[in-house]
């Protein structure tokens, strides 16, 4: 979306009543949550070696969906304070994926050893970091609703999504 189109959409949005803005935003949010829930079904037992790389890719896709939605709807400033954490998460995931998927090193990564607990802990920690990042990003939307009831509904839907993520990642 170019800057002029974003400006036109923003101006049209500002002219609507708060109830109409809430309804439109709620519809868009439900669409994003639908996409996230659909992607979430790809995560299956990430603590199993054969599933880790696939699950990490899925988590990255969910993160990109959220970032695209937030920046497309509200501009880059809405995630400005989160960029450092997102970059750290990106680096952690990149390192873990690289280690887990590189031929010989990947096989060594999954080989049973005295470090199995550390490997599981690293996998779990990445899931916790994704969950915390998702929670933070989704909470930005809460602030955009005018109605306290709609805010509560959105928060409930976000908690349900995050709980499904925890269950899938086995947190």
Foldseek 3Di string as FASTA:
>chain_A
DDPVVLVVVVVVLVPDDLVVNLVVLLVVLVVLLVVLVVLLVLQAACLQLVRVLSNLVSLVVNVVSLCCVCCSNPNPVLCVVVVVLVVVLVVLSVVVNCQCPDPPSVVVLNDDDPCSVVSLVSLVVSLVSSLVSLLSSQLSVLVVHDDPVSSVVSNVSSVVSSVSSCVSSVD
